């Protein structure tokens, strides 16, 4: 019986040592995985920054294009000659219709 207890005690001691070693190896074994995940995170951050820059550039280009179209629409309205009795107030809604519906200027100004 004492021999069985000694054998069990030795097995528990061996298991304890093995668990401590596995725990230590497991934590140190995670180092390369953590480094790899950090690299992927940095790459993701860089790609997100590139997407933000691209979105910002696209918005800037869109605003410039809308301003250009609005300016051209206003220029074409200035060129149109309407008789004095048919004068209309050119509102931003009309300009918006001209820009986004591609209507000729005179169609939007018909009384």
PDB file of N, CA and C in Angstrom:
ATOM      1  N   UNK A   1       0.815  -1.179   0.000  1.00  0.00           N
ATOM      2  CA  UNK A   1       0.000   0.000   0.000  1.00  0.00           C
ATOM      3  C   UNK A   1       0.870   1.259   0.000  1.00  0.00           C
ATOM      4  N   UNK A   2       1.912   1.271   0.783  1.00  0.00           N
ATOM      5  CA  UNK A   2       2.827   2.406   0.830  1.00  0.00           C
ATOM      6  C   UNK A   2       3.492   2.602  -0.519  1.00  0.00           C
ATOM      7  N   UNK A   3       3.737   1.482  -1.169  1.00  0.00           N
ATOM      8  CA  UNK A   3       4.354   1.560  -2.485  1.00  0.00           C
ATOM      9  C   UNK A   3       3.375   2.200  -3.480  1.00  0.00           C
ATOM     10  N   UNK A   4       2.095   1.877  -3.385  1.00  0.00           N
ATOM     11  CA  UNK A   4       1.078   2.475  -4.260  1.00  0.00           C
ATOM     12  C   UNK A   4       0.958   3.974  -4.005  1.00  0.00           C
ATOM     13  N   UNK A   5       1.018   4.350  -2.729  1.00  0.00           N
ATOM     14  CA  UNK A   5       0.926   5.775  -2.383  1.00  0.00           C
ATOM     15  C   UNK A   5       2.150   6.504  -2.925  1.00  0.00           C
ATOM     16  N   UNK A   6       3.314   5.901  -2.793  1.00  0.00           N
ATOM     17  CA  UNK A   6       4.534   6.506  -3.315  1.00  0.00           C
ATOM     18  C   UNK A   6       4.448   6.628  -4.836  1.00  0.00           C
ATOM     19  N   UNK A   7       3.913   5.639  -5.499  1.00  0.00           N
ATOM     20  CA  UNK A   7       3.766   5.662  -6.953  1.00  0.00           C
ATOM     21  C   UNK A   7       2.796   6.766  -7.373  1.00  0.00           C
ATOM     22  N   UNK A   8       1.695   6.874  -6.651  1.00  0.00           N
ATOM     23  CA  UNK A   8       0.714   7.940  -6.957  1.00  0.00           C
ATOM     24  C   UNK A   8       1.349   9.297  -6.692  1.00  0.00           C
ATOM     25  N   UNK A   9       2.082   9.428  -5.598  1.00  0.00           N
ATOM     26  CA  UNK A   9       2.746  10.686  -5.269  1.00  0.00           C
ATOM     27  C   UNK A   9       3.749  11.062  -6.356  1.00  0.00           C
ATOM     28  N   UNK A  10       4.501  10.100  -6.852  1.00  0.00           N
ATOM     29  CA  UNK A  10       5.456  10.351  -7.936  1.00  0.00           C
ATOM     30  C   UNK A  10       4.732  10.775  -9.219  1.00  0.00           C
ATOM     31  N   UNK A  11       3.606  10.092  -9.492  1.00  0.00           N
ATOM     32  CA  UNK A  11       2.827  10.449 -10.691  1.00  0.00           C
ATOM     33  C   UNK A  11       2.282  11.867 -10.589  1.00  0.00           C
ATOM     34  N   UNK A  12       1.775  12.249  -9.411  1.00  0.00           N
ATOM     35  CA  UNK A  12       1.255  13.609  -9.206  1.00  0.00           C
ATOM     36  C   UNK A  12       2.381  14.620  -9.365  1.00  0.00           C
ATOM     37  N   UNK A  13       3.546  14.318  -8.798  1.00  0.00           N
ATOM     38  CA  UNK A  13       4.684  15.219  -8.915  1.00  0.00           C
ATOM     39  C   UNK A  13       5.104  15.369 -10.385  1.00  0.00           C
ATOM     40  N   UNK A  14       5.161  14.273 -11.107  1.00  0.00           N
ATOM     41  CA  UNK A  14       5.517  14.297 -12.535  1.00  0.00           C
ATOM     42  C   UNK A  14       4.491  15.100 -13.329  1.00  0.00           C
ATOM     43  N   UNK A  15       3.208  14.881 -13.001  1.00  0.00           N
ATOM     44  CA  UNK A  15       2.138  15.608 -13.688  1.00  0.00           C
ATOM     45  C   UNK A  15       2.213  17.100 -13.381  1.00  0.00           C
ATOM     46  N   UNK A  16       2.496  17.456 -12.133  1.00  0.00           N
ATOM     47  CA  UNK A  16       2.632  18.861 -11.748  1.00  0.00           C
ATOM     48  C   UNK A  16       3.771  19.528 -12.500  1.00  0.00           C
ATOM     49  N   UNK A  17       4.899  18.849 -12.579  1.00  0.00           N
ATOM     50  CA  UNK A  17       6.047  19.388 -13.315  1.00  0.00           C
ATOM     51  C   UNK A  17       5.696  19.535 -14.796  1.00  0.00           C
ATOM     52  N   UNK A  18       5.012  18.544 -15.349  1.00  0.00           N
ATOM     53  CA  UNK A  18       4.637  18.592 -16.769  1.00  0.00           C
ATOM     54  C   UNK A  18       3.665  19.736 -17.034  1.00  0.00           C
ATOM     55  N   UNK A  19       2.707  19.942 -16.120  1.00  0.00           N
ATOM     56  CA  UNK A  19       1.752  21.046 -16.284  1.00  0.00           C
ATOM     57  C   UNK A  19       2.440  22.403 -16.197  1.00  0.00           C
ATOM     58  N   UNK A  20       3.366  22.546 -15.250  1.00  0.00           N
ATOM     59  CA  UNK A  20       4.100  23.811 -15.149  1.00  0.00           C
ATOM     60  C   UNK A  20       4.924  24.067 -16.401  1.00  0.00           C
ATOM     61  N   UNK A  21       5.546  23.020 -16.920  1.00  0.00           N
ATOM     62  CA  UNK A  21       6.343  23.168 -18.140  1.00  0.00           C
ATOM     63  C   UNK A  21       5.450  23.517 -19.334  1.00  0.00           C
ATOM     64  N   UNK A  22       4.295  22.849 -19.432  1.00  0.00           N
ATOM     65  CA  UNK A  22       3.366  23.121 -20.540  1.00  0.00           C
ATOM     66  C   UNK A  22       2.837  24.544 -20.458  1.00  0.00           C
ATOM     67  N   UNK A  23       2.545  24.990 -19.235  1.00  0.00           N
ATOM     68  CA  UNK A  23       2.060  26.360 -19.054  1.00  0.00           C
ATOM     69  C   UNK A  23       3.127  27.363 -19.476  1.00  0.00           C
ATOM     70  N   UNK A  24       4.367  27.135 -19.050  1.00  0.00           N
ATOM     71  CA  UNK A  24       5.462  28.031 -19.424  1.00  0.00           C
ATOM     72  C   UNK A  24       5.714  27.992 -20.926  1.00  0.00           C
ATOM     73  N   UNK A  25       5.699  26.815 -21.516  1.00  0.00           N
ATOM     74  CA  UNK A  25       5.907  26.689 -22.965  1.00  0.00           C
ATOM     75  C   UNK A  25       4.739  27.292 -23.734  1.00  0.00           C
ATOM     76  N   UNK A  26       3.550  27.108 -23.195  1.00  0.00           N
ATOM     77  CA  UNK A  26       2.368  27.644 -23.869  1.00  0.00           C
ATOM     78  C   UNK A  26       2.415  29.154 -23.961  1.00  0.00           C
ATOM     79  N   UNK A  27       2.797  29.810 -22.885  1.00  0.00           N
ATOM     80  CA  UNK A  27       2.883  31.267 -22.895  1.00  0.00           C
ATOM     81  C   UNK A  27       3.992  31.752 -23.801  1.00  0.00           C
ATOM     82  N   UNK A  28       5.138  31.077 -23.748  1.00  0.00           N
ATOM     83  CA  UNK A  28       6.227  31.496 -24.626  1.00  0.00           C
ATOM     84  C   UNK A  28       5.933  31.107 -26.074  1.00  0.00           C
ATOM     85  N   UNK A  29       5.172  30.051 -26.255  1.00  0.00           N
ATOM     86  CA  UNK A  29       4.793  29.629 -27.606  1.00  0.00           C
ATOM     87  C   UNK A  29       3.819  30.592 -28.256  1.00  0.00           C
ATOM     88  N   UNK A  30       3.131  31.400 -27.443  1.00  0.00           N
ATOM     89  CA  UNK A  30       2.197  32.385 -27.990  1.00  0.00           C
ATOM     90  C   UNK A  30       2.909  33.626 -28.520  1.00  0.00           C
ATOM     91  N   UNK A  31       4.151  33.820 -28.131  1.00  0.00           N
ATOM     92  CA  UNK A  31       4.898  35.005 -28.559  1.00  0.00           C
ATOM     93  C   UNK A  31       4.914  35.193 -30.063  1.00  0.00           C
ATOM     94  N   UNK A  32       5.289  34.196 -30.841  1.00  0.00           N
ATOM     95  CA  UNK A  32       5.288  34.361 -32.302  1.00  0.00           C
ATOM     96  C   UNK A  32       3.874  34.605 -32.853  1.00  0.00           C
ATOM     97  N   UNK A  33       2.880  33.958 -32.254  1.00  0.00           N
ATOM     98  CA  UNK A  33       1.499  34.156 -32.710  1.00  0.00           C
ATOM     99  C   UNK A  33       1.034  35.585 -32.426  1.00  0.00           C
ATOM    100  N   UNK A  34       1.378  36.094 -31.260  1.00  0.00           N
ATOM    101  CA  UNK A  34       1.024  37.473 -30.907  1.00  0.00           C
ATOM    102  C   UNK A  34       1.736  38.441 -31.844  1.00  0.00           C
ATOM    103  N   UNK A  35       2.987  38.187 -32.138  1.00  0.00           N
ATOM    104  CA  UNK A  35       3.740  39.050 -33.065  1.00  0.00           C
ATOM    105  C   UNK A  35       3.100  39.039 -34.450  1.00  0.00           C
ATOM    106  N   UNK A  36       2.690  37.858 -34.902  1.00  0.00           N
ATOM    107  CA  UNK A  36       2.037  37.752 -36.216  1.00  0.00           C
ATOM    108  C   UNK A  36       0.715  38.522 -36.225  1.00  0.00           C
ATOM    109  N   UNK A  37      -0.057  38.393 -35.150  1.00  0.00           N
ATOM    110  CA  UNK A  37      -1.320  39.121 -35.066  1.00  0.00           C
ATOM    111  C   UNK A  37      -1.106  40.633 -35.015  1.00  0.00           C
ATOM    112  N   UNK A  38      -0.046  41.060 -34.331  1.00  0.00           N
ATOM    113  CA  UNK A  38       0.274  42.490 -34.305  1.00  0.00           C
ATOM    114  C   UNK A  38       0.647  43.003 -35.686  1.00  0.00           C
ATOM    115  N   UNK A  39       1.378  42.215 -36.449  1.00  0.00           N
ATOM    116  CA  UNK A  39       1.730  42.602 -37.823  1.00  0.00           C
ATOM    117  C   UNK A  39       0.476  42.733 -38.677  1.00  0.00           C
ATOM    118  N   UNK A  40      -0.438  41.777 -38.530  1.00  0.00           N
ATOM    119  CA  UNK A  40      -1.684  41.833 -39.294  1.00  0.00           C
ATOM    120  C   UNK A  40      -2.515  43.047 -38.885  1.00  0.00           C
ATOM    121  N   UNK A  41      -2.518  43.361 -37.595  1.00  0.00           N
ATOM    122  CA  UNK A  41      -3.247  44.528 -37.117  1.00  0.00           C
ATOM    123  C   UNK A  41      -2.667  45.814 -37.693  1.00  0.00           C
ATOM    124  N   UNK A  42      -1.357  45.911 -37.749  1.00  0.00           N
ATOM    125  CA  UNK A  42      -0.715  47.091 -38.329  1.00  0.00           C
ATOM    126  C   UNK A  42      -1.042  47.218 -39.813  1.00  0.00           C
ATOM    127  N   UNK A  43      -1.040  46.092 -40.526  1.00  0.00           N
ATOM    128  CA  UNK A  43      -1.399  46.114 -41.950  1.00  0.00           C
ATOM    129  C   UNK A  43      -2.845  46.552 -42.123  1.00  0.00           C
ATOM    130  N   UNK A  44      -3.715  46.079 -41.256  1.00  0.00           N
ATOM    131  CA  UNK A  44      -5.127  46.469 -41.313  1.00  0.00           C
ATOM    132  C   UNK A  44      -5.288  47.959 -41.044  1.00  0.00           C
ATOM    133  N   UNK A  45      -4.558  48.473 -40.065  1.00  0.00           N
ATOM    134  CA  UNK A  45      -4.613  49.905 -39.770  1.00  0.00           C
ATOM    135  C   UNK A  45      -4.145  50.724 -40.972  1.00  0.00           C
ATOM    136  N   UNK A  46      -3.080  50.278 -41.616  1.00  0.00           N
ATOM    137  CA  UNK A  46      -2.564  50.996 -42.788  1.00  0.00           C
ATOM    138  C   UNK A  46      -3.589  50.981 -43.920  1.00  0.00           C
ATOM    139  N   UNK A  47      -4.239  49.836 -44.132  1.00  0.00           N
ATOM    140  CA  UNK A  47      -5.253  49.749 -45.185  1.00  0.00           C
ATOM    141  C   UNK A  47      -6.460  50.619 -44.868  1.00  0.00           C
ATOM    142  N   UNK A  48      -6.855  50.685 -43.599  1.00  0.00           N
ATOM    143  CA  UNK A  48      -7.962  51.560 -43.217  1.00  0.00           C
ATOM    144  C   UNK A  48      -7.614  53.024 -43.474  1.00  0.00           C
ATOM    145  N   UNK A  49      -6.397  53.389 -43.192  1.00  0.00           N
ATOM    146  CA  UNK A  49      -5.964  54.763 -43.446  1.00  0.00           C
ATOM    147  C   UNK A  49      -5.993  55.069 -44.949  1.00  0.00           C
ATOM    148  N   UNK A  50      -5.558  54.100 -45.758  1.00  0.00           N
ATOM    149  CA  UNK A  50      -5.614  54.285 -47.214  1.00  0.00           C
ATOM    150  C   UNK A  50      -7.057  54.438 -47.686  1.00  0.00           C
ATOM    151  N   UNK A  51      -7.967  53.660 -47.121  1.00  0.00           N
ATOM    152  CA  UNK A  51      -9.385  53.777 -47.485  1.00  0.00           C
ATOM    153  C   UNK A  51      -9.950  55.137 -47.080  1.00  0.00           C
ATOM    154  N   UNK A  52      -9.563  55.628 -45.896  1.00  0.00           N
ATOM    155  CA  UNK A  52     -10.023  56.959 -45.465  1.00  0.00           C
ATOM    156  C   UNK A  52      -9.518  58.031 -46.425  1.00  0.00           C
ATOM    157  N   UNK A  53      -8.253  57.925 -46.822  1.00  0.00           N
ATOM    158  CA  UNK A  53      -7.694  58.904 -47.752  1.00  0.00           C
ATOM    159  C   UNK A  53      -8.411  58.849 -49.095  1.00  0.00           C
ATOM    160  N   UNK A  54      -8.667  57.630 -49.575  1.00  0.00           N
ATOM    161  CA  UNK A  54      -9.356  57.483 -50.862  1.00  0.00           C
ATOM    162  C   UNK A  54     -10.767  58.051 -50.778  1.00  0.00           C
ATOM    163  N   UNK A  55     -11.463  57.784 -49.668  1.00  0.00           N
ATOM    164  CA  UNK A  55     -12.818  58.319 -49.499  1.00  0.00           C
ATOM    165  C   UNK A  55     -12.775  59.839 -49.476  1.00  0.00           C
ATOM    166  N   UNK A  56     -11.821  60.395 -48.766  1.00  0.00           N
ATOM    167  CA  UNK A  56     -11.690  61.846 -48.691  1.00  0.00           C
ATOM    168  C   UNK A  56     -11.423  62.443 -50.075  1.00  0.00           C
ATOM    169  N   UNK A  57     -10.546  61.796 -50.837  1.00  0.00           N
ATOM    170  CA  UNK A  57     -10.250  62.270 -52.192  1.00  0.00           C
ATOM    171  C   UNK A  57     -11.478  62.183 -53.092  1.00  0.00           C
ATOM    172  N   UNK A  58     -12.234  61.092 -52.971  1.00  0.00           N
ATOM    173  CA  UNK A  58     -13.450  60.951 -53.784  1.00  0.00           C
ATOM    174  C   UNK A  58     -14.477  62.019 -53.432  1.00  0.00           C
ATOM    175  N   UNK A  59     -14.622  62.312 -52.149  1.00  0.00           N
ATOM    176  CA  UNK A  59     -15.564  63.360 -51.743  1.00  0.00           C
ATOM    177  C   UNK A  59     -15.113  64.707 -52.277  1.00  0.00           C
ATOM    178  N   UNK A  60     -13.815  64.985 -52.204  1.00  0.00           N
ATOM    179  CA  UNK A  60     -13.297  66.246 -52.747  1.00  0.00           C
ATOM    180  C   UNK A  60     -13.568  66.354 -54.241  1.00  0.00           C
ATOM    181  N   UNK A  61     -13.354  65.264 -54.968  1.00  0.00           N
ATOM    182  CA  UNK A  61     -13.610  65.270 -56.408  1.00  0.00           C
ATOM    183  C   UNK A  61     -15.097  65.443 -56.702  1.00  0.00           C
ATOM    184  N   UNK A  62     -15.947  64.809 -55.905  1.00  0.00           N
ATOM    185  CA  UNK A  62     -17.391  64.935 -56.091  1.00  0.00           C
ATOM    186  C   UNK A  62     -17.846  66.370 -55.858  1.00  0.00           C
ATOM    187  N   UNK A  63     -17.353  66.985 -54.795  1.00  0.00           N
ATOM    188  CA  UNK A  63     -17.718  68.376 -54.508  1.00  0.00           C
ATOM    189  C   UNK A  63     -17.258  69.284 -55.641  1.00  0.00           C
ATOM    190  N   UNK A  64     -16.058  69.065 -56.138  1.00  0.00           N
ATOM    191  CA  UNK A  64     -15.552  69.884 -57.243  1.00  0.00           C
ATOM    192  C   UNK A  64     -16.408  69.695 -58.492  1.00  0.00           C
ATOM    193  N   UNK A  65     -16.811  68.456 -58.769  1.00  0.00           N
ATOM    194  CA  UNK A  65     -17.642  68.184 -59.947  1.00  0.00           C
ATOM    195  C   UNK A  65     -19.016  68.826 -59.807  1.00  0.00           C
ATOM    196  N   UNK A  66     -19.625  68.717 -58.626  1.00  0.00           N
ATOM    197  CA  UNK A  66     -20.941  69.341 -58.403  1.00  0.00           C
ATOM    198  C   UNK A  66     -20.817  70.851 -58.545  1.00  0.00           C
ATOM    199  N   UNK A  67     -19.767  71.426 -58.000  1.00  0.00           N
ATOM    200  CA  UNK A  67     -19.565  72.874 -58.135  1.00  0.00           C
ATOM    201  C   UNK A  67     -19.395  73.260 -59.595  1.00  0.00           C
ATOM    202  N   UNK A  68     -18.668  72.454 -60.348  1.00  0.00           N
ATOM    203  CA  UNK A  68     -18.470  72.726 -61.773  1.00  0.00           C
ATOM    204  C   UNK A  68     -19.793  72.652 -62.530  1.00  0.00           C
ATOM    205  N   UNK A  69     -20.569  71.608 -62.255  1.00  0.00           N
ATOM    206  CA  UNK A  69     -21.861  71.457 -62.931  1.00  0.00           C
ATOM    207  C   UNK A  69     -22.802  72.596 -62.549  1.00  0.00           C
ATOM    208  N   UNK A  70     -22.811  72.961 -61.260  1.00  0.00           N
ATOM    209  CA  UNK A  70     -23.670  74.061 -60.819  1.00  0.00           C
ATOM    210  C   UNK A  70     -23.241  75.366 -61.477  1.00  0.00           C
ATOM    211  N   UNK A  71     -21.943  75.596 -61.558  1.00  0.00           N
ATOM    212  CA  UNK A  71     -21.454  76.805 -62.223  1.00  0.00           C
ATOM    213  C   UNK A  71     -21.841  76.841 -63.686  1.00  0.00           C
ATOM    214  N   UNK A  72     -21.707  75.709 -64.357  1.00  0.00           N
ATOM    215  CA  UNK A  72     -22.110  75.649 -65.768  1.00  0.00           C
ATOM    216  C   UNK A  72     -23.610  75.870 -65.920  1.00  0.00           C
ATOM    217  N   UNK A  73     -24.399  75.308 -65.006  1.00  0.00           N
ATOM    218  CA  UNK A  73     -25.855  75.489 -65.072  1.00  0.00           C
ATOM    219  C   UNK A  73     -26.214  76.956 -64.863  1.00  0.00           C
ATOM    220  N   UNK A  74     -25.558  77.598 -63.916  1.00  0.00           N
ATOM    221  CA  UNK A  74     -25.833  79.013 -63.681  1.00  0.00           C
ATOM    222  C   UNK A  74     -25.403  79.866 -64.867  1.00  0.00           C
ATOM    223  N   UNK A  75     -24.287  79.509 -65.498  1.00  0.00           N
ATOM    224  CA  UNK A  75     -23.839  80.229 -66.685  1.00  0.00           C
ATOM    225  C   UNK A  75     -24.851  80.075 -67.814  1.00  0.00           C
ATOM    226  N   UNK A  76     -25.379  78.861 -67.976  1.00  0.00           N
ATOM    227  CA  UNK A  76     -26.359  78.655 -69.048  1.00  0.00           C
ATOM    228  C   UNK A  76     -27.661  79.377 -68.726  1.00  0.00           C
ATOM    229  N   UNK A  77     -27.996  79.520 -67.458  1.00  0.00           N
ATOM    230  CA  UNK A  77     -29.184  80.297 -67.089  1.00  0.00           C
ATOM    231  C   UNK A  77     -28.978  81.771 -67.396  1.00  0.00           C
ATOM    232  N   UNK A  78     -27.770  82.243 -67.189  1.00  0.00           N
ATOM    233  CA  UNK A  78     -27.473  83.647 -67.462  1.00  0.00           C
ATOM    234  C   UNK A  78     -27.586  83.933 -68.961  1.00  0.00           C
ATOM    235  N   UNK A  79     -27.211  82.940 -69.783  1.00  0.00           N
ATOM    236  CA  UNK A  79     -27.240  83.106 -71.230  1.00  0.00           C
ATOM    237  C   UNK A  79     -28.675  83.131 -71.742  1.00  0.00           C
ATOM    238  N   UNK A  80     -29.556  82.397 -71.090  1.00  0.00           N
ATOM    239  CA  UNK A  80     -30.965  82.365 -71.507  1.00  0.00           C
ATOM    240  C   UNK A  80     -31.556  83.757 -71.376  1.00  0.00           C
ATOM    241  N   UNK A  81     -32.270  84.162 -72.387  1.00  0.00           N
ATOM    242  CA  UNK A  81     -32.933  85.468 -72.307  1.00  0.00           C
ATOM    243  C   UNK A  81     -34.433  85.235 -72.213  1.00  0.00           C
ATOM    244  N   UNK A  82     -34.999  85.747 -71.163  1.00  0.00           N
ATOM    245  CA  UNK A  82     -36.432  85.615 -70.944  1.00  0.00           C
ATOM    246  C   UNK A  82     -37.057  86.998 -71.055  1.00  0.00           C
ATOM    247  N   UNK A  83     -38.239  87.091 -71.641  1.00  0.00           N
ATOM    248  CA  UNK A  83     -38.929  88.388 -71.650  1.00  0.00           C
ATOM    249  C   UNK A  83     -39.183  88.848 -70.217  1.00  0.00           C
ATOM    250  N   UNK A  84     -39.247  90.159 -70.010  1.00  0.00           N
ATOM    251  CA  UNK A  84     -39.386  90.723 -68.674  1.00  0.00           C
ATOM    252  C   UNK A  84     -40.626  90.207 -67.955  1.00  0.00           C
ATOM    253  N   UNK A  85     -41.733  89.983 -68.652  1.00  0.00           N
ATOM    254  CA  UNK A  85     -42.957  89.525 -67.993  1.00  0.00           C
ATOM    255  C   UNK A  85     -42.844  88.068 -67.527  1.00  0.00           C
ATOM    256  N   UNK A  86     -41.894  87.336 -68.076  1.00  0.00           N
ATOM    257  CA  UNK A  86     -41.724  85.933 -67.699  1.00  0.00           C
ATOM    258  C   UNK A  86     -40.548  85.708 -66.748  1.00  0.00           C
ATOM    259  N   UNK A  87     -40.067  86.753 -66.073  1.00  0.00           N
ATOM    260  CA  UNK A  87     -38.927  86.594 -65.172  1.00  0.00           C
ATOM    261  C   UNK A  87     -39.289  85.639 -64.038  1.00  0.00           C
ATOM    262  N   UNK A  88     -38.357  84.802 -63.714  1.00  0.00           N
ATOM    263  CA  UNK A  88     -38.566  83.855 -62.616  1.00  0.00           C
ATOM    264  C   UNK A  88     -37.389  83.938 -61.663  1.00  0.00           C
ATOM    265  N   UNK A  89     -37.666  83.579 -60.447  1.00  0.00           N
ATOM    266  CA  UNK A  89     -36.611  83.520 -59.437  1.00  0.00           C
ATOM    267  C   UNK A  89     -35.938  82.165 -59.548  1.00  0.00           C
ATOM    268  N   UNK A  90     -34.640  82.158 -59.778  1.00  0.00           N
ATOM    269  CA  UNK A  90     -33.910  80.903 -59.903  1.00  0.00           C
ATOM    270  C   UNK A  90     -33.540  80.448 -58.496  1.00  0.00           C
ATOM    271  N   UNK A  91     -34.227  79.437 -58.037  1.00  0.00           N
ATOM    272  CA  UNK A  91     -33.965  78.941 -56.683  1.00  0.00           C
ATOM    273  C   UNK A  91     -32.955  77.805 -56.729  1.00  0.00           C
ATOM    274  N   UNK A  92     -32.462  77.451 -55.572  1.00  0.00           N
ATOM    275  CA  UNK A  92     -31.511  76.349 -55.503  1.00  0.00           C
ATOM    276  C   UNK A  92     -32.176  75.034 -55.899  1.00  0.00           C
ATOM    277  N   UNK A  93     -33.493  74.930 -55.691  1.00  0.00           N
ATOM    278  CA  UNK A  93     -34.198  73.713 -56.110  1.00  0.00           C
ATOM    279  C   UNK A  93     -34.148  73.567 -57.625  1.00  0.00           C
ATOM    280  N   UNK A  94     -34.285  74.667 -58.342  1.00  0.00           N
ATOM    281  CA  UNK A  94     -34.219  74.608 -59.808  1.00  0.00           C
ATOM    282  C   UNK A  94     -32.814  74.235 -60.263  1.00  0.00           C
ATOM    283  N   UNK A  95     -31.828  74.820 -59.611  1.00  0.00           N
ATOM    284  CA  UNK A  95     -30.449  74.494 -59.964  1.00  0.00           C
ATOM    285  C   UNK A  95     -30.190  73.022 -59.680  1.00  0.00           C
ATOM    286  N   UNK A  96     -30.708  72.531 -58.567  1.00  0.00           N
ATOM    287  CA  UNK A  96     -30.546  71.122 -58.225  1.00  0.00           C
ATOM    288  C   UNK A  96     -31.201  70.235 -59.277  1.00  0.00           C
ATOM    289  N   UNK A  97     -32.390  70.635 -59.743  1.00  0.00           N
ATOM    290  CA  UNK A  97     -33.045  69.856 -60.809  1.00  0.00           C
ATOM    291  C   UNK A  97     -32.199  69.853 -62.074  1.00  0.00           C
ATOM    292  N   UNK A  98     -31.631  70.987 -62.382  1.00  0.00           N
ATOM    293  CA  UNK A  98     -30.792  71.064 -63.579  1.00  0.00           C
ATOM    294  C   UNK A  98     -29.593  70.143 -63.456  1.00  0.00           C
ATOM    295  N   UNK A  99     -28.993  70.133 -62.283  1.00  0.00           N
ATOM    296  CA  UNK A  99     -27.780  69.351 -62.085  1.00  0.00           C
ATOM    297  C   UNK A  99     -28.074  67.862 -62.088  1.00  0.00           C
ATOM    298  N   UNK A 100     -29.080  67.459 -61.329  1.00  0.00           N
ATOM    299  CA  UNK A 100     -29.275  66.035 -61.108  1.00  0.00           C
ATOM    300  C   UNK A 100     -30.261  65.378 -62.054  1.00  0.00           C
ATOM    301  N   UNK A 101     -31.057  66.136 -62.777  1.00  0.00           N
ATOM    302  CA  UNK A 101     -32.007  65.542 -63.728  1.00  0.00           C
ATOM    303  C   UNK A 101     -31.594  65.750 -65.177  1.00  0.00           C
ATOM    304  N   UNK A 102     -30.524  66.474 -65.380  1.00  0.00           N
ATOM    305  CA  UNK A 102     -29.994  66.735 -66.727  1.00  0.00           C
ATOM    306  C   UNK A 102     -31.046  67.342 -67.650  1.00  0.00           C
ATOM    307  N   UNK A 103     -31.869  68.211 -67.116  1.00  0.00           N
ATOM    308  CA  UNK A 103     -32.859  68.893 -67.965  1.00  0.00           C
ATOM    309  C   UNK A 103     -32.208  70.111 -68.606  1.00  0.00           C
ATOM    310  N   UNK A 104     -32.652  70.461 -69.795  1.00  0.00           N
ATOM    311  CA  UNK A 104     -32.126  71.710 -70.368  1.00  0.00           C
ATOM    312  C   UNK A 104     -32.583  72.891 -69.527  1.00  0.00           C
ATOM    313  N   UNK A 105     -31.802  73.944 -69.424  1.00  0.00           N
ATOM    314  CA  UNK A 105     -32.136  75.075 -68.561  1.00  0.00           C
ATOM    315  C   UNK A 105     -33.505  75.665 -68.835  1.00  0.00           C
ATOM    316  N   UNK A 106     -33.914  75.776 -70.094  1.00  0.00           N
ATOM    317  CA  UNK A 106     -35.189  76.409 -70.397  1.00  0.00           C
ATOM    318  C   UNK A 106     -36.359  75.569 -69.940  1.00  0.00           C
ATOM    319  N   UNK A 107     -36.217  74.246 -69.865  1.00  0.00           N
ATOM    320  CA  UNK A 107     -37.310  73.383 -69.428  1.00  0.00           C
ATOM    321  C   UNK A 107     -37.615  73.609 -67.960  1.00  0.00           C
ATOM    322  N   UNK A 108     -36.612  73.873 -67.159  1.00  0.00           N
ATOM    323  CA  UNK A 108     -36.828  74.067 -65.722  1.00  0.00           C
ATOM    324  C   UNK A 108     -37.371  75.444 -65.423  1.00  0.00           C
ATOM    325  N   UNK A 109     -37.202  76.403 -66.341  1.00  0.00           N
ATOM    326  CA  UNK A 109     -37.608  77.777 -66.082  1.00  0.00           C
ATOM    327  C   UNK A 109     -38.946  78.129 -66.739  1.00  0.00           C
ATOM    328  N   UNK A 110     -39.584  77.202 -67.375  1.00  0.00           N
ATOM    329  CA  UNK A 110     -40.842  77.502 -68.038  1.00  0.00           C
ATOM    330  C   UNK A 110     -41.891  77.859 -66.992  1.00  0.00           C
ATOM    331  N   UNK A 111     -42.561  79.030 -67.129  1.00  0.00           N
ATOM    332  CA  UNK A 111     -43.542  79.446 -66.110  1.00  0.00           C
ATOM    333  C   UNK A 111     -44.786  78.578 -66.116  1.00  0.00           C
TER     334      UNK A 111
END
